[in-house]
Protein backbone atom coordinates (compact mmCIF):
# COMPACT_ATOMS: atom_id res chain seq x y z
CA MET A 1 11.26 24.12 12.67
CA SER A 2 10.01 27.06 10.52
CA LYS A 3 11.14 27.18 7.00
CA SER A 4 13.51 29.82 6.26
CA GLU A 5 14.49 29.34 2.79
CA ASN A 6 12.79 27.54 -0.51
CA TYR A 7 15.17 25.35 -2.46
CA PRO A 8 16.42 26.28 -6.16
CA ASP A 9 14.08 24.65 -8.52
CA SER A 10 12.34 23.28 -5.62
CA MET A 11 8.89 21.95 -7.83
CA ASN A 12 11.49 19.61 -10.01
CA ASP A 13 13.34 18.18 -7.17
CA THR A 14 10.50 17.13 -4.74
CA VAL A 15 8.25 14.05 -4.54
CA ASP A 16 5.07 14.41 -3.14
CA THR A 17 3.30 12.32 -1.00
CA ILE A 18 -0.36 12.46 -2.30
CA GLY A 19 0.02 9.38 -4.64
CA PRO A 20 0.26 7.51 -1.18
CA VAL A 21 -3.11 9.00 0.05
CA LEU A 22 -4.95 8.21 -3.18
CA GLN A 23 -3.52 4.40 -3.25
CA THR A 24 -4.50 4.15 0.32
CA PHE A 25 -7.75 4.97 -0.21
CA ILE A 26 -8.65 3.02 -3.06
CA ASN A 27 -6.82 -0.31 -1.59
CA GLU A 28 -7.99 -0.01 1.85
CA VAL A 29 -11.73 1.50 1.48
CA VAL A 30 -12.88 1.11 -1.82
CA ARG A 31 -11.32 -1.99 -2.58
CA THR A 32 -12.00 -3.70 0.74
CA GLU A 33 -16.08 -3.18 0.35
CA MET A 34 -15.98 -3.74 -3.45
CA PRO A 35 -13.57 -6.20 -4.30
CA ASN A 36 -15.25 -7.34 -7.81
CA CYS A 37 -15.75 -3.98 -8.88
CA ASN A 38 -13.49 -2.06 -11.55
CA TYR A 39 -11.54 0.82 -10.84
CA ILE A 40 -10.04 3.54 -13.25
CA TYR A 41 -8.81 7.48 -13.08
CA ASP A 42 -10.43 9.34 -15.19
CA PRO A 43 -9.78 13.03 -15.22
CA GLU A 44 -13.10 13.69 -17.57
CA LEU A 45 -14.90 11.24 -15.07
CA SER A 46 -17.53 10.70 -17.54
CA TYR A 47 -19.11 7.42 -18.61
CA ASP A 48 -17.55 7.27 -22.15
CA THR A 49 -14.11 7.87 -21.80
CA SER A 50 -13.80 6.04 -18.07
CA ILE A 51 -15.17 2.99 -20.14
CA GLN A 52 -12.41 3.83 -23.05
CA LEU A 53 -9.71 4.39 -20.85
CA PHE A 54 -10.38 0.92 -18.93
CA ARG A 55 -10.83 -0.77 -21.97
CA ALA A 56 -7.38 0.42 -23.36
CA LYS A 57 -5.79 -0.63 -20.35
CA ASN A 58 -6.98 -4.31 -20.50
CA ALA A 59 -6.54 -4.26 -24.51
CA GLU A 60 -2.44 -3.78 -23.12
CA LEU A 61 -2.70 -6.12 -20.71
CA GLY A 62 -3.99 -8.65 -23.07
CA LYS A 63 -7.75 -8.71 -21.15
CA THR A 64 -11.36 -8.66 -22.34
CA GLU A 65 -13.27 -8.58 -19.18
CA ASP A 66 -16.43 -6.39 -18.60
CA ALA A 67 -16.25 -3.07 -17.37
CA LEU A 68 -18.75 -2.83 -15.35
CA PRO A 69 -19.45 -2.41 -12.33
CA LEU A 70 -16.88 0.41 -12.33
CA PHE A 71 -15.68 3.04 -10.07
CA SER A 72 -13.74 6.13 -11.57
CA PHE A 73 -12.39 8.70 -10.15
CA SER A 74 -10.31 12.04 -10.41
CA ARG A 75 -9.01 14.46 -7.76
CA SER A 76 -8.89 18.44 -6.81
CA ALA A 77 -6.24 20.25 -6.38
CA LEU A 78 -4.85 20.16 -2.50
CA LYS A 79 -6.14 23.12 -0.68
CA PHE A 80 -6.78 24.27 2.74
CA PRO A 81 -9.41 23.00 4.56
CA GLU A 82 -12.62 25.58 4.11
CA ASN A 83 -12.68 25.71 8.22
CA GLU A 84 -9.64 27.50 10.35
CA THR A 85 -8.01 28.46 7.00
CA ALA A 86 -5.40 30.75 8.89
CA LEU A 87 -4.16 27.77 11.20
CA HIS A 88 -3.73 25.39 8.10
CA ARG A 89 -1.85 27.84 6.53
CA ARG A 90 0.74 28.36 9.20
CA THR A 91 1.43 24.58 9.00
CA ALA A 92 2.51 25.29 5.75
CA ASN A 93 5.58 26.76 7.19
CA ASN A 94 6.75 23.82 9.13
CA VAL A 95 9.48 21.80 7.88
CA GLY A 96 11.25 18.58 9.52
CA THR A 97 13.79 16.39 9.23
CA PHE A 98 14.70 12.46 9.59
CA GLU A 99 17.74 10.25 9.51
CA SER A 100 17.87 7.49 7.25
CA ASP A 101 19.40 4.08 7.96
CA ASN A 102 22.84 4.82 6.38
CA GLY A 103 23.27 8.21 8.24
CA ASP A 104 22.00 10.73 5.78
CA HIS A 105 19.91 14.09 7.12
CA PHE A 106 16.62 14.59 4.89
CA SER A 107 14.13 17.62 5.05
CA TYR A 108 10.49 17.71 4.22
CA ALA A 109 7.44 20.03 4.02
CA MET A 110 4.40 19.62 5.38
CA VAL A 111 0.72 21.29 5.10
CA HIS A 112 -2.34 20.38 6.91
CA GLY A 113 -5.01 20.29 3.55
CA GLU A 114 -7.39 18.41 1.95
CA ILE A 115 -8.03 16.75 -1.38
CA GLU A 116 -11.50 16.23 -3.26
CA LEU A 117 -11.70 12.67 -4.70
CA GLN A 118 -14.69 12.66 -7.36
CA PHE A 119 -15.96 9.54 -7.94
CA PHE A 120 -18.51 7.96 -10.44
CA TYR A 121 -19.95 4.34 -9.82
CA VAL A 122 -21.97 2.93 -12.67
CA ASN A 123 -23.39 -0.99 -12.65
CA LYS A 124 -25.69 -2.54 -14.86
CA HIS A 125 -27.49 -4.30 -12.29
CA MET A 126 -29.89 -1.89 -10.43
CA ARG A 127 -30.39 -3.81 -7.16
CA GLU A 128 -26.44 -3.40 -6.90
CA VAL A 129 -26.46 0.60 -7.29
CA GLU A 130 -29.41 0.36 -4.63
CA GLN A 131 -27.08 -1.37 -2.45
CA PHE A 132 -24.61 0.99 -2.96
CA GLU A 133 -27.04 4.14 -2.27
CA ILE A 134 -28.60 2.55 0.63
CA ASN A 135 -24.84 1.61 2.13
CA TYR A 136 -23.44 5.28 1.55
CA LEU A 137 -26.21 7.41 3.24
CA ALA A 138 -26.16 4.76 6.35
CA ASN A 139 -22.35 5.23 6.55
CA GLU A 140 -21.84 1.44 5.77
CA GLY A 141 -19.88 0.19 2.43
CA ILE A 142 -17.12 2.66 1.75
CA SER A 143 -18.56 5.41 3.80
CA GLY A 144 -18.49 3.41 6.59
CA SER A 145 -14.82 4.34 6.71
CA ARG A 146 -13.99 7.63 8.39
CA GLU A 147 -10.38 7.60 9.07
CA MET A 148 -7.70 5.65 7.39
CA THR A 149 -3.65 5.17 8.00
CA VAL A 150 -1.11 5.91 5.62
CA ASN A 151 2.22 4.73 6.40
CA LEU A 152 5.27 6.79 5.23
CA PRO A 153 8.47 4.73 5.27
CA GLU A 154 10.88 6.56 8.04
CA LEU A 155 8.48 8.77 9.17
CA GLY A 156 5.69 6.29 10.42
CA ASP A 157 2.00 6.24 10.47
CA PHE A 158 -0.49 9.23 9.70
CA ASN A 159 -4.25 9.47 10.20
CA TYR A 160 -6.45 11.20 7.56
CA TYR A 161 -9.78 12.09 8.04
CA ILE A 162 -12.67 11.18 5.68
CA GLN A 163 -15.86 13.23 4.53
CA TYR A 164 -18.59 12.08 2.07
CA ASP A 165 -20.81 14.81 0.51
CA ASP A 166 -24.32 13.71 -0.92
CA LEU A 167 -24.68 11.37 -4.00
CA LEU A 168 -25.88 12.62 -7.11
CA ASP A 169 -28.03 10.71 -10.29
CA VAL A 170 -26.32 10.04 -13.21
CA ASN A 171 -28.81 8.68 -16.03
CA ILE A 172 -26.56 7.27 -18.84
CA ASN A 173 -28.16 5.74 -22.32
CA ASN A 174 -25.55 3.75 -24.11
CA GLU A 175 -26.66 2.41 -27.39
CA GLY A 176 -29.86 1.90 -26.14
CA THR A 177 -29.09 0.35 -22.90
CA TYR A 178 -30.00 2.39 -20.01
CA TYR A 179 -28.11 2.31 -16.77
CA LYS A 180 -28.04 4.61 -13.34
CA GLY A 181 -24.95 5.75 -12.10
CA LEU A 182 -23.88 7.82 -9.18
CA ALA A 183 -21.42 10.26 -8.40
CA GLY A 184 -20.42 11.93 -5.53
CA THR A 185 -17.67 13.84 -3.52
CA VAL A 186 -14.94 12.45 -1.06
CA ARG A 187 -12.82 14.92 0.92
CA ILE A 188 -9.56 13.27 2.48
CA ARG A 189 -8.20 15.63 4.86
CA GLY A 190 -4.68 15.68 6.77
CA PHE A 191 -1.22 16.22 6.71
CA TYR A 192 0.64 16.30 3.31
CA PHE A 193 4.36 16.21 2.51
CA VAL A 194 6.94 16.79 0.24
CA PHE A 195 10.35 15.63 0.40
CA ARG A 196 13.71 15.78 -1.16
CA SER A 197 14.02 13.71 -4.63
CA GLN A 198 16.87 11.85 -2.66
CA VAL A 199 14.22 9.80 -0.93
CA GLN A 200 14.07 6.79 -2.64
CA VAL A 201 11.44 5.01 -0.57
CA ILE A 202 8.72 7.59 -1.13
CA LYS A 203 9.34 7.67 -4.70
CA GLU A 204 8.63 4.29 -4.76
CA ILE A 205 5.29 4.20 -3.32
CA ASN A 206 4.14 7.45 -5.59
CA CYS A 207 5.36 5.34 -8.48
CA SER A 208 3.50 2.29 -7.62
CA ILE A 209 0.10 3.95 -8.04
CA TYR A 210 0.68 5.82 -10.77
CA GLU A 211 1.98 4.80 -14.62
CA GLN A 212 4.21 7.23 -16.65
CA ASN A 213 1.62 9.13 -18.17
CA GLY A 214 0.06 10.21 -15.05
CA GLU A 215 -2.79 7.99 -15.13
CA ILE A 216 -4.05 5.57 -11.90
CA ILE A 217 -4.59 1.80 -12.94
CA ASN A 218 -7.01 -0.51 -12.50
CA ARG A 219 -7.74 -2.93 -9.81
CA ASP A 220 -5.49 -5.86 -11.25
CA SER A 221 -2.32 -3.66 -10.52
CA LEU A 222 -3.49 -1.91 -7.04
CA LEU A 223 -2.99 -4.89 -5.13
CA GLY A 224 -0.56 -3.24 -2.56
CA SER A 225 2.31 -0.62 -1.92
CA LYS A 226 5.78 -1.76 -3.48
CA VAL A 227 8.31 -0.23 -0.85
CA ILE A 228 11.98 -0.47 -1.01
CA SER A 229 13.92 0.12 2.02
């Protein structure tokens, strides 16, 4: 079905599904391969700000654990994939409907697009940094996952495809102690949905990864989705 009209004040009356995609990547790809690594969302994606954000979060939780190893990440705005642009743009005009358990009908819009997840990995142990490098280039570790499935309640499972760009070296001098970091970009491509705000199950998934201030929290709070049916 094609979109015939926009909803008034649509930006303030919809909930997006980018959050569940990010959450699935962190939980099922990164956390599965590096269960002993810390994680933090950092829009600036620098060593200093990532450490500060992680320590501030631990202080709120009453913890004092070492920040390293740390997987820090940010993301780009959602955009159309570079290839077949016209085809992907046409999908933005598609809308669908589904019926909830109590008989209510809801509508959603969808777009075939991709987000770029930029990451920064740092570890005080050079051996583990080198292991990350080798595994990444050998399509093992996190880069061994080229596809993931995201479950959207009421709608079902959707596949998202992952592309990994080359790694970049990051040398860090922290008060006379030198660390080696690695930076890279991951592209996650698939269908992204926008629902009317009445769909409470989608809101709950979104809120399980984001805090009120918009940050994505560290590993101890990323143990899984909380879904209310």
